[in-house]
Amino acid sequence: MTDSELDAIRAKRLVELQQQQQQQAGSNKNIQSSPEEKQQQQEDIRNTMLSSLLTQEARARLNMIALTKPEKGRMIEDILIQNARRGAIGGRKVKTINGKTNMID
């Protein structure tokens, strides 16, 4: 697969996730749920989006930042999600060196 095909697949998946989020938000309006449940659902959606954008290593680094400085971790997550929604982030990239496959964020 070429990079353009992978980027198209990633963009399609991101749009699907955003549509899911909008559908869940619409269905949540119809169902009376507690603020804690709403917040948990928003966090789940947020984590799903970040997982689709970042490799495990990048996610671990982001979590370390969030542990030491929660406000900075949240700010970085917000920036990543906003850029992904605008299409500024192409998603994960895979690089092969000497027969070994490495993920590049």
PDB file of N, CA and C in Angstrom:
ATOM      1  N   MET A   1       0.835  -1.182   0.000  1.00  0.00           N
ATOM      2  CA  MET A   1       0.000   0.000   0.000  1.00  0.00           C
ATOM      3  C   MET A   1       0.878   1.243   0.000  1.00  0.00           C
ATOM      4  N   THR A   2       0.442   2.238  -0.707  1.00  0.00           N
ATOM      5  CA  THR A   2       1.191   3.483  -0.747  1.00  0.00           C
ATOM      6  C   THR A   2       0.764   4.372   0.418  1.00  0.00           C
ATOM      7  N   ASP A   3       1.581   5.391   0.641  1.00  0.00           N
ATOM      8  CA  ASP A   3       1.281   6.316   1.734  1.00  0.00           C
ATOM      9  C   ASP A   3      -0.061   7.012   1.532  1.00  0.00           C
ATOM     10  N   SER A   4      -0.375   7.336   0.295  1.00  0.00           N
ATOM     11  CA  SER A   4      -1.641   8.023   0.043  1.00  0.00           C
ATOM     12  C   SER A   4      -2.833   7.119   0.348  1.00  0.00           C
ATOM     13  N   GLU A   5      -2.702   5.821   0.046  1.00  0.00           N
ATOM     14  CA  GLU A   5      -3.785   4.886   0.365  1.00  0.00           C
ATOM     15  C   GLU A   5      -3.950   4.743   1.871  1.00  0.00           C
ATOM     16  N   LEU A   6      -2.823   4.653   2.588  1.00  0.00           N
ATOM     17  CA  LEU A   6      -2.885   4.550   4.047  1.00  0.00           C
ATOM     18  C   LEU A   6      -3.493   5.808   4.663  1.00  0.00           C
ATOM     19  N   ASP A   7      -3.099   6.965   4.131  1.00  0.00           N
ATOM     20  CA  ASP A   7      -3.666   8.214   4.643  1.00  0.00           C
ATOM     21  C   ASP A   7      -5.167   8.273   4.394  1.00  0.00           C
ATOM     22  N   ALA A   8      -5.607   7.781   3.246  1.00  0.00           N
ATOM     23  CA  ALA A   8      -7.044   7.778   2.939  1.00  0.00           C
ATOM     24  C   ALA A   8      -7.793   6.858   3.894  1.00  0.00           C
ATOM     25  N   ILE A   9      -7.216   5.699   4.200  1.00  0.00           N
ATOM     26  CA  ILE A   9      -7.846   4.763   5.138  1.00  0.00           C
ATOM     27  C   ILE A   9      -7.921   5.387   6.524  1.00  0.00           C
ATOM     28  N   ARG A  10      -6.831   6.029   6.937  1.00  0.00           N
ATOM     29  CA  ARG A  10      -6.823   6.676   8.260  1.00  0.00           C
ATOM     30  C   ARG A  10      -7.849   7.796   8.337  1.00  0.00           C
ATOM     31  N   ALA A  11      -7.928   8.588   7.287  1.00  0.00           N
ATOM     32  CA  ALA A  11      -8.896   9.688   7.269  1.00  0.00           C
ATOM     33  C   ALA A  11     -10.317   9.147   7.342  1.00  0.00           C
ATOM     34  N   LYS A  12     -10.577   8.053   6.610  1.00  0.00           N
ATOM     35  CA  LYS A  12     -11.910   7.449   6.634  1.00  0.00           C
ATOM     36  C   LYS A  12     -12.242   6.955   8.041  1.00  0.00           C
ATOM     37  N   ARG A  13     -11.287   6.308   8.695  1.00  0.00           N
ATOM     38  CA  ARG A  13     -11.506   5.787  10.053  1.00  0.00           C
ATOM     39  C   ARG A  13     -11.744   6.933  11.039  1.00  0.00           C
ATOM     40  N   LEU A  14     -11.016   8.026  10.878  1.00  0.00           N
ATOM     41  CA  LEU A  14     -11.201   9.175  11.758  1.00  0.00           C
ATOM     42  C   LEU A  14     -12.594   9.765  11.590  1.00  0.00           C
ATOM     43  N   VAL A  15     -13.068   9.843  10.352  1.00  0.00           N
ATOM     44  CA  VAL A  15     -14.418  10.350  10.100  1.00  0.00           C
ATOM     45  C   VAL A  15     -15.448   9.422  10.749  1.00  0.00           C
ATOM     46  N   GLU A  16     -15.222   8.104  10.651  1.00  0.00           N
ATOM     47  CA  GLU A  16     -16.133   7.146  11.287  1.00  0.00           C
ATOM     48  C   GLU A  16     -16.173   7.354  12.798  1.00  0.00           C
ATOM     49  N   LEU A  17     -15.011   7.566  13.402  1.00  0.00           N
ATOM     50  CA  LEU A  17     -14.968   7.794  14.847  1.00  0.00           C
ATOM     51  C   LEU A  17     -15.701   9.074  15.226  1.00  0.00           C
ATOM     52  N   GLN A  18     -15.526  10.117  14.411  1.00  0.00           N
ATOM     53  CA  GLN A  18     -16.204  11.376  14.694  1.00  0.00           C
ATOM     54  C   GLN A  18     -17.720  11.213  14.553  1.00  0.00           C
ATOM     55  N   GLN A  19     -18.158  10.455  13.552  1.00  0.00           N
ATOM     56  CA  GLN A  19     -19.594  10.216  13.387  1.00  0.00           C
ATOM     57  C   GLN A  19     -20.144   9.418  14.554  1.00  0.00           C
ATOM     58  N   GLN A  20     -19.376   8.435  15.021  1.00  0.00           N
ATOM     59  CA  GLN A  20     -19.787   7.666  16.200  1.00  0.00           C
ATOM     60  C   GLN A  20     -19.949   8.584  17.396  1.00  0.00           C
ATOM     61  N   GLN A  21     -18.991   9.488  17.559  1.00  0.00           N
ATOM     62  CA  GLN A  21     -19.038  10.416  18.680  1.00  0.00           C
ATOM     63  C   GLN A  21     -20.285  11.294  18.590  1.00  0.00           C
ATOM     64  N   GLN A  22     -20.600  11.778  17.405  1.00  0.00           N
ATOM     65  CA  GLN A  22     -21.775  12.624  17.227  1.00  0.00           C
ATOM     66  C   GLN A  22     -23.059  11.835  17.474  1.00  0.00           C
ATOM     67  N   GLN A  23     -23.095  10.589  17.015  1.00  0.00           N
ATOM     68  CA  GLN A  23     -24.270   9.753  17.238  1.00  0.00           C
ATOM     69  C   GLN A  23     -24.460   9.480  18.720  1.00  0.00           C
ATOM     70  N   GLN A  24     -23.368   9.208  19.414  1.00  0.00           N
ATOM     71  CA  GLN A  24     -23.460   8.945  20.845  1.00  0.00           C
ATOM     72  C   GLN A  24     -23.897  10.203  21.582  1.00  0.00           C
ATOM     73  N   ALA A  25     -23.413  11.346  21.135  1.00  0.00           N
ATOM     74  CA  ALA A  25     -23.818  12.595  21.765  1.00  0.00           C
ATOM     75  C   ALA A  25     -25.313  12.830  21.540  1.00  0.00           C
ATOM     76  N   GLY A  26     -25.800  12.513  20.330  1.00  0.00           N
ATOM     77  CA  GLY A  26     -27.223  12.665  20.035  1.00  0.00           C
ATOM     78  C   GLY A  26     -28.074  11.712  20.833  1.00  0.00           C
ATOM     79  N   SER A  27     -27.614  10.472  20.978  1.00  0.00           N
ATOM     80  CA  SER A  27     -28.387   9.498  21.744  1.00  0.00           C
ATOM     81  C   SER A  27     -28.337   9.801  23.236  1.00  0.00           C
ATOM     82  N   ASN A  28     -27.278  10.428  23.680  1.00  0.00           N
ATOM     83  CA  ASN A  28     -27.178  10.793  25.092  1.00  0.00           C
ATOM     84  C   ASN A  28     -28.176  11.882  25.467  1.00  0.00           C
ATOM     85  N   LYS A  29     -28.559  12.698  24.496  1.00  0.00           N
ATOM     86  CA  LYS A  29     -29.545  13.736  24.780  1.00  0.00           C
ATOM     87  C   LYS A  29     -30.908  13.115  25.064  1.00  0.00           C
ATOM     88  N   ASN A  30     -31.179  11.998  24.392  1.00  0.00           N
ATOM     89  CA  ASN A  30     -32.464  11.324  24.572  1.00  0.00           C
ATOM     90  C   ASN A  30     -32.523  10.537  25.872  1.00  0.00           C
ATOM     91  N   ILE A  31     -31.389  10.079  26.336  1.00  0.00           N
ATOM     92  CA  ILE A  31     -31.327   9.253  27.538  1.00  0.00           C
ATOM     93  C   ILE A  31     -30.842  10.116  28.700  1.00  0.00           C
ATOM     94  N   GLN A  32     -31.563  10.038  29.799  1.00  0.00           N
ATOM     95  CA  GLN A  32     -31.144  10.765  30.990  1.00  0.00           C
ATOM     96  C   GLN A  32     -30.010   9.993  31.649  1.00  0.00           C
ATOM     97  N   SER A  33     -28.814  10.560  31.640  1.00  0.00           N
ATOM     98  CA  SER A  33     -27.690   9.908  32.285  1.00  0.00           C
ATOM     99  C   SER A  33     -26.997  10.910  33.204  1.00  0.00           C
ATOM    100  N   SER A  34     -26.310  10.380  34.149  1.00  0.00           N
ATOM    101  CA  SER A  34     -25.660  11.229  35.131  1.00  0.00           C
ATOM    102  C   SER A  34     -24.466  11.942  34.502  1.00  0.00           C
ATOM    103  N   PRO A  35     -24.054  13.048  35.076  1.00  0.00           N
ATOM    104  CA  PRO A  35     -22.885  13.774  34.553  1.00  0.00           C
ATOM    105  C   PRO A  35     -21.617  12.912  34.554  1.00  0.00           C
ATOM    106  N   GLU A  36     -21.517  12.014  35.529  1.00  0.00           N
ATOM    107  CA  GLU A  36     -20.337  11.148  35.578  1.00  0.00           C
ATOM    108  C   GLU A  36     -20.307  10.208  34.379  1.00  0.00           C
ATOM    109  N   GLU A  37     -21.465   9.681  33.991  1.00  0.00           N
ATOM    110  CA  GLU A  37     -21.544   8.787  32.838  1.00  0.00           C
ATOM    111  C   GLU A  37     -21.195   9.533  31.559  1.00  0.00           C
ATOM    112  N   LYS A  38     -21.698  10.751  31.421  1.00  0.00           N
ATOM    113  CA  LYS A  38     -21.401  11.560  30.242  1.00  0.00           C
ATOM    114  C   LYS A  38     -19.908  11.846  30.160  1.00  0.00           C
ATOM    115  N   GLN A  39     -19.325  12.201  31.285  1.00  0.00           N
ATOM    116  CA  GLN A  39     -17.898  12.491  31.305  1.00  0.00           C
ATOM    117  C   GLN A  39     -17.090  11.238  30.954  1.00  0.00           C
ATOM    118  N   GLN A  40     -17.505  10.085  31.465  1.00  0.00           N
ATOM    119  CA  GLN A  40     -16.807   8.837  31.168  1.00  0.00           C
ATOM    120  C   GLN A  40     -16.908   8.501  29.679  1.00  0.00           C
ATOM    121  N   GLN A  41     -18.069   8.717  29.091  1.00  0.00           N
ATOM    122  CA  GLN A  41     -18.238   8.447  27.663  1.00  0.00           C
ATOM    123  C   GLN A  41     -17.362   9.369  26.828  1.00  0.00           C
ATOM    124  N   GLN A  42     -17.275  10.640  27.218  1.00  0.00           N
ATOM    125  CA  GLN A  42     -16.423  11.585  26.498  1.00  0.00           C
ATOM    126  C   GLN A  42     -14.959  11.175  26.609  1.00  0.00           C
ATOM    127  N   GLU A  43     -14.548  10.723  27.781  1.00  0.00           N
ATOM    128  CA  GLU A  43     -13.167  10.265  27.969  1.00  0.00           C
ATOM    129  C   GLU A  43     -12.890   9.017  27.137  1.00  0.00           C
ATOM    130  N   ASP A  44     -13.860   8.121  27.043  1.00  0.00           N
ATOM    131  CA  ASP A  44     -13.695   6.915  26.222  1.00  0.00           C
ATOM    132  C   ASP A  44     -13.496   7.274  24.750  1.00  0.00           C
ATOM    133  N   ILE A  45     -14.302   8.196  24.270  1.00  0.00           N
ATOM    134  CA  ILE A  45     -14.193   8.634  22.882  1.00  0.00           C
ATOM    135  C   ILE A  45     -12.840   9.306  22.658  1.00  0.00           C
ATOM    136  N   ARG A  46     -12.450  10.130  23.599  1.00  0.00           N
ATOM    137  CA  ARG A  46     -11.158  10.833  23.527  1.00  0.00           C
ATOM    138  C   ARG A  46     -10.007   9.827  23.474  1.00  0.00           C
ATOM    139  N   ASN A  47     -10.060   8.823  24.344  1.00  0.00           N
ATOM    140  CA  ASN A  47      -9.002   7.813  24.378  1.00  0.00           C
ATOM    141  C   ASN A  47      -8.974   6.987  23.100  1.00  0.00           C
ATOM    142  N   THR A  48     -10.140   6.705  22.542  1.00  0.00           N
ATOM    143  CA  THR A  48     -10.208   5.964  21.286  1.00  0.00           C
ATOM    144  C   THR A  48      -9.543   6.746  20.160  1.00  0.00           C
ATOM    145  N   MET A  49      -9.834   8.024  20.093  1.00  0.00           N
ATOM    146  CA  MET A  49      -9.233   8.860  19.054  1.00  0.00           C
ATOM    147  C   MET A  49      -7.726   8.938  19.228  1.00  0.00           C
ATOM    148  N   LEU A  50      -7.272   9.137  20.472  1.00  0.00           N
ATOM    149  CA  LEU A  50      -5.832   9.233  20.712  1.00  0.00           C
ATOM    150  C   LEU A  50      -5.136   7.909  20.400  1.00  0.00           C
ATOM    151  N   SER A  51      -5.784   6.811  20.713  1.00  0.00           N
ATOM    152  CA  SER A  51      -5.201   5.500  20.415  1.00  0.00           C
ATOM    153  C   SER A  51      -5.066   5.276  18.922  1.00  0.00           C
ATOM    154  N   SER A  52      -6.005   5.813  18.154  1.00  0.00           N
ATOM    155  CA  SER A  52      -5.922   5.641  16.706  1.00  0.00           C
ATOM    156  C   SER A  52      -4.861   6.561  16.091  1.00  0.00           C
ATOM    157  N   LEU A  53      -4.513   7.633  16.787  1.00  0.00           N
ATOM    158  CA  LEU A  53      -3.531   8.580  16.270  1.00  0.00           C
ATOM    159  C   LEU A  53      -2.101   8.255  16.689  1.00  0.00           C
ATOM    160  N   LEU A  54      -1.930   7.706  17.884  1.00  0.00           N
ATOM    161  CA  LEU A  54      -0.596   7.540  18.455  1.00  0.00           C
ATOM    162  C   LEU A  54      -0.186   6.078  18.546  1.00  0.00           C
ATOM    163  N   THR A  55       1.111   5.857  18.445  1.00  0.00           N
ATOM    164  CA  THR A  55       1.631   4.520  18.704  1.00  0.00           C
ATOM    165  C   THR A  55       1.606   4.292  20.207  1.00  0.00           C
ATOM    166  N   GLN A  56       1.867   3.070  20.620  1.00  0.00           N
ATOM    167  CA  GLN A  56       1.888   2.773  22.054  1.00  0.00           C
ATOM    168  C   GLN A  56       2.989   3.554  22.756  1.00  0.00           C
ATOM    169  N   GLU A  57       4.135   3.687  22.089  1.00  0.00           N
ATOM    170  CA  GLU A  57       5.247   4.417  22.696  1.00  0.00           C
ATOM    171  C   GLU A  57       4.906   5.893  22.868  1.00  0.00           C
ATOM    172  N   ALA A  58       4.291   6.480  21.840  1.00  0.00           N
ATOM    173  CA  ALA A  58       3.908   7.887  21.914  1.00  0.00           C
ATOM    174  C   ALA A  58       2.837   8.095  22.982  1.00  0.00           C
ATOM    175  N   ARG A  59       1.907   7.160  23.070  1.00  0.00           N
ATOM    176  CA  ARG A  59       0.854   7.235  24.094  1.00  0.00           C
ATOM    177  C   ARG A  59       1.463   7.150  25.493  1.00  0.00           C
ATOM    178  N   ALA A  60       2.473   6.286  25.654  1.00  0.00           N
ATOM    179  CA  ALA A  60       3.148   6.159  26.945  1.00  0.00           C
ATOM    180  C   ALA A  60       3.863   7.461  27.311  1.00  0.00           C
ATOM    181  N   ARG A  61       4.507   8.092  26.335  1.00  0.00           N
ATOM    182  CA  ARG A  61       5.186   9.373  26.601  1.00  0.00           C
ATOM    183  C   ARG A  61       4.170  10.445  26.992  1.00  0.00           C
ATOM    184  N   LEU A  62       3.049  10.458  26.299  1.00  0.00           N
ATOM    185  CA  LEU A  62       2.001  11.432  26.615  1.00  0.00           C
ATOM    186  C   LEU A  62       1.453  11.193  28.024  1.00  0.00           C
ATOM    187  N   ASN A  63       1.283   9.931  28.394  1.00  0.00           N
ATOM    188  CA  ASN A  63       0.802   9.610  29.742  1.00  0.00           C
ATOM    189  C   ASN A  63       1.801  10.042  30.809  1.00  0.00           C
ATOM    190  N   MET A  64       3.094   9.925  30.511  1.00  0.00           N
ATOM    191  CA  MET A  64       4.109  10.375  31.475  1.00  0.00           C
ATOM    192  C   MET A  64       4.036  11.888  31.676  1.00  0.00           C
ATOM    193  N   ILE A  65       3.813  12.603  30.587  1.00  0.00           N
ATOM    194  CA  ILE A  65       3.654  14.059  30.683  1.00  0.00           C
ATOM    195  C   ILE A  65       2.422  14.382  31.530  1.00  0.00           C
ATOM    196  N   ALA A  66       1.328  13.662  31.269  1.00  0.00           N
ATOM    197  CA  ALA A  66       0.076  13.905  31.989  1.00  0.00           C
ATOM    198  C   ALA A  66       0.213  13.593  33.478  1.00  0.00           C
ATOM    199  N   LEU A  67       1.055  12.633  33.818  1.00  0.00           N
ATOM    200  CA  LEU A  67       1.258  12.312  35.233  1.00  0.00           C
ATOM    201  C   LEU A  67       1.999  13.431  35.955  1.00  0.00           C
ATOM    202  N   THR A  68       2.995  14.000  35.290  1.00  0.00           N
ATOM    203  CA  THR A  68       3.781  15.046  35.948  1.00  0.00           C
ATOM    204  C   THR A  68       3.109  16.411  35.870  1.00  0.00           C
ATOM    205  N   LYS A  69       2.494  16.701  34.713  1.00  0.00           N
ATOM    206  CA  LYS A  69       1.818  17.990  34.532  1.00  0.00           C
ATOM    207  C   LYS A  69       0.483  17.747  33.819  1.00  0.00           C
ATOM    208  N   PRO A  70      -0.569  17.460  34.581  1.00  0.00           N
ATOM    209  CA  PRO A  70      -1.866  17.112  33.982  1.00  0.00           C
ATOM    210  C   PRO A  70      -2.404  18.155  33.002  1.00  0.00           C
ATOM    211  N   GLU A  71      -2.225  19.431  33.309  1.00  0.00           N
ATOM    212  CA  GLU A  71      -2.755  20.470  32.427  1.00  0.00           C
ATOM    213  C   GLU A  71      -2.030  20.483  31.082  1.00  0.00           C
ATOM    214  N   LYS A  72      -0.734  20.206  31.078  1.00  0.00           N
ATOM    215  CA  LYS A  72       0.016  20.144  29.820  1.00  0.00           C
ATOM    216  C   LYS A  72      -0.353  18.897  29.020  1.00  0.00           C
ATOM    217  N   GLY A  73      -0.543  17.782  29.714  1.00  0.00           N
ATOM    218  CA  GLY A  73      -0.956  16.556  29.032  1.00  0.00           C
ATOM    219  C   GLY A  73      -2.299  16.738  28.350  1.00  0.00           C
ATOM    220  N   ARG A  74      -3.229  17.362  29.053  1.00  0.00           N
ATOM    221  CA  ARG A  74      -4.567  17.610  28.501  1.00  0.00           C
ATOM    222  C   ARG A  74      -4.480  18.566  27.308  1.00  0.00           C
ATOM    223  N   MET A  75      -3.616  19.574  27.412  1.00  0.00           N
ATOM    224  CA  MET A  75      -3.448  20.538  26.340  1.00  0.00           C
ATOM    225  C   MET A  75      -2.898  19.848  25.078  1.00  0.00           C
ATOM    226  N   ILE A  76      -1.922  18.972  25.249  1.00  0.00           N
ATOM    227  CA  ILE A  76      -1.349  18.249  24.110  1.00  0.00           C
ATOM    228  C   ILE A  76      -2.405  17.348  23.482  1.00  0.00           C
ATOM    229  N   GLU A  77      -3.181  16.660  24.311  1.00  0.00           N
ATOM    230  CA  GLU A  77      -4.257  15.807  23.781  1.00  0.00           C
ATOM    231  C   GLU A  77      -5.248  16.637  22.978  1.00  0.00           C
ATOM    232  N   ASP A  78      -5.632  17.800  23.508  1.00  0.00           N
ATOM    233  CA  ASP A  78      -6.578  18.671  22.804  1.00  0.00           C
ATOM    234  C   ASP A  78      -6.032  19.087  21.445  1.00  0.00           C
ATOM    235  N   ILE A  79      -4.754  19.446  21.410  1.00  0.00           N
ATOM    236  CA  ILE A  79      -4.127  19.869  20.155  1.00  0.00           C
ATOM    237  C   ILE A  79      -4.125  18.720  19.149  1.00  0.00           C
ATOM    238  N   LEU A  80      -3.761  17.523  19.615  1.00  0.00           N
ATOM    239  CA  LEU A  80      -3.736  16.363  18.716  1.00  0.00           C
ATOM    240  C   LEU A  80      -5.121  16.070  18.144  1.00  0.00           C
ATOM    241  N   ILE A  81      -6.130  16.105  18.992  1.00  0.00           N
ATOM    242  CA  ILE A  81      -7.499  15.812  18.539  1.00  0.00           C
ATOM    243  C   ILE A  81      -7.995  16.887  17.570  1.00  0.00           C
ATOM    244  N   GLN A  82      -7.716  18.154  17.872  1.00  0.00           N
ATOM    245  CA  GLN A  82      -8.135  19.235  16.973  1.00  0.00           C
ATOM    246  C   GLN A  82      -7.470  19.104  15.610  1.00  0.00           C
ATOM    247  N   ASN A  83      -6.165  18.813  15.612  1.00  0.00           N
ATOM    248  CA  ASN A  83      -5.453  18.664  14.342  1.00  0.00           C
ATOM    249  C   ASN A  83      -5.953  17.454  13.561  1.00  0.00           C
ATOM    250  N   ALA A  84      -6.287  16.390  14.252  1.00  0.00           N
ATOM    251  CA  ALA A  84      -6.813  15.204  13.577  1.00  0.00           C
ATOM    252  C   ALA A  84      -8.173  15.505  12.953  1.00  0.00           C
ATOM    253  N   ARG A  85      -8.998  16.243  13.646  1.00  0.00           N
ATOM    254  CA  ARG A  85     -10.317  16.599  13.114  1.00  0.00           C
ATOM    255  C   ARG A  85     -10.208  17.483  11.882  1.00  0.00           C
ATOM    256  N   ARG A  86      -9.181  18.342  11.871  1.00  0.00           N
ATOM    257  CA  ARG A  86      -8.961  19.207  10.710  1.00  0.00           C
ATOM    258  C   ARG A  86      -8.268  18.479   9.567  1.00  0.00           C
ATOM    259  N   GLY A  87      -7.757  17.282   9.842  1.00  0.00           N
ATOM    260  CA  GLY A  87      -7.063  16.522   8.817  1.00  0.00           C
ATOM    261  C   GLY A  87      -5.588  16.863   8.714  1.00  0.00           C
ATOM    262  N   ALA A  88      -5.072  17.576   9.699  1.00  0.00           N
ATOM    263  CA  ALA A  88      -3.667  17.979   9.672  1.00  0.00           C
ATOM    264  C   ALA A  88      -2.724  16.848  10.058  1.00  0.00           C
ATOM    265  N   ILE A  89      -3.258  15.806  10.689  1.00  0.00           N
ATOM    266  CA  ILE A  89      -2.441  14.668  11.088  1.00  0.00           C
ATOM    267  C   ILE A  89      -2.796  13.499  10.182  1.00  0.00           C
ATOM    268  N   GLY A  90      -1.759  12.895   9.575  1.00  0.00           N
ATOM    269  CA  GLY A  90      -1.992  11.789   8.660  1.00  0.00           C
ATOM    270  C   GLY A  90      -2.148  10.461   9.362  1.00  0.00           C
ATOM    271  N   GLY A  91      -1.901  10.412  10.633  1.00  0.00           N
ATOM    272  CA  GLY A  91      -1.999   9.157  11.374  1.00  0.00           C
ATOM    273  C   GLY A  91      -0.631   8.529  11.560  1.00  0.00           C
ATOM    274  N   ARG A  92      -0.635   7.271  11.930  1.00  0.00           N
ATOM    275  CA  ARG A  92       0.610   6.562  12.173  1.00  0.00           C
ATOM    276  C   ARG A  92       1.318   6.268  10.861  1.00  0.00           C
ATOM    277  N   LYS A  93       2.622   6.239  10.922  1.00  0.00           N
ATOM    278  CA  LYS A  93       3.425   5.884   9.757  1.00  0.00           C
ATOM    279  C   LYS A  93       4.332   4.730  10.136  1.00  0.00           C
ATOM    280  N   VAL A  94       4.573   3.847   9.184  1.00  0.00           N
ATOM    281  CA  VAL A  94       5.413   2.689   9.418  1.00  0.00           C
ATOM    282  C   VAL A  94       6.682   2.836   8.596  1.00  0.00           C
ATOM    283  N   LYS A  95       7.812   2.599   9.222  1.00  0.00           N
ATOM    284  CA  LYS A  95       9.095   2.696   8.550  1.00  0.00           C
ATOM    285  C   LYS A  95       9.821   1.375   8.715  1.00  0.00           C
ATOM    286  N   THR A  96      10.378   0.866   7.629  1.00  0.00           N
ATOM    287  CA  THR A  96      11.107  -0.390   7.681  1.00  0.00           C
ATOM    288  C   THR A  96      12.603  -0.111   7.546  1.00  0.00           C
ATOM    289  N   ILE A  97      13.375  -0.583   8.524  1.00  0.00           N
ATOM    290  CA  ILE A  97      14.827  -0.419   8.509  1.00  0.00           C
ATOM    291  C   ILE A  97      15.450  -1.793   8.684  1.00  0.00           C
ATOM    292  N   ASN A  98      16.270  -2.185   7.714  1.00  0.00           N
ATOM    293  CA  ASN A  98      16.960  -3.478   7.774  1.00  0.00           C
ATOM    294  C   ASN A  98      16.003  -4.635   8.074  1.00  0.00           C
ATOM    295  N   GLY A  99      14.846  -4.624   7.438  1.00  0.00           N
ATOM    296  CA  GLY A  99      13.895  -5.711   7.617  1.00  0.00           C
ATOM    297  C   GLY A  99      13.052  -5.619   8.879  1.00  0.00           C
ATOM    298  N   LYS A 100      13.302  -4.620   9.722  1.00  0.00           N
ATOM    299  CA  LYS A 100      12.514  -4.444  10.949  1.00  0.00           C
ATOM    300  C   LYS A 100      11.506  -3.329  10.724  1.00  0.00           C
ATOM    301  N   THR A 101      10.308  -3.563  11.158  1.00  0.00           N
ATOM    302  CA  THR A 101       9.252  -2.568  11.000  1.00  0.00           C
ATOM    303  C   THR A 101       9.170  -1.722  12.260  1.00  0.00           C
ATOM    304  N   ASN A 102       9.235  -0.418  12.082  1.00  0.00           N
ATOM    305  CA  ASN A 102       9.132   0.520  13.189  1.00  0.00           C
ATOM    306  C   ASN A 102       7.994   1.483  12.927  1.00  0.00           C
ATOM    307  N   MET A 103       7.259   1.820  13.979  1.00  0.00           N
ATOM    308  CA  MET A 103       6.194   2.802  13.860  1.00  0.00           C
ATOM    309  C   MET A 103       6.801   4.179  14.079  1.00  0.00           C
ATOM    310  N   ILE A 104       6.424   5.121  13.255  1.00  0.00           N
ATOM    311  CA  ILE A 104       6.877   6.499  13.385  1.00  0.00           C
ATOM    312  C   ILE A 104       5.669   7.357  13.649  1.00  0.00           C
ATOM    313  N   ASP A 105       5.711   8.194  14.713  1.00  0.00           N
ATOM    314  CA  ASP A 105       4.566   9.070  14.944  1.00  0.00           C
ATOM    315  C   ASP A 105       4.837  10.426  14.391  1.00  0.00           C
TER     316      ASP A 105
END
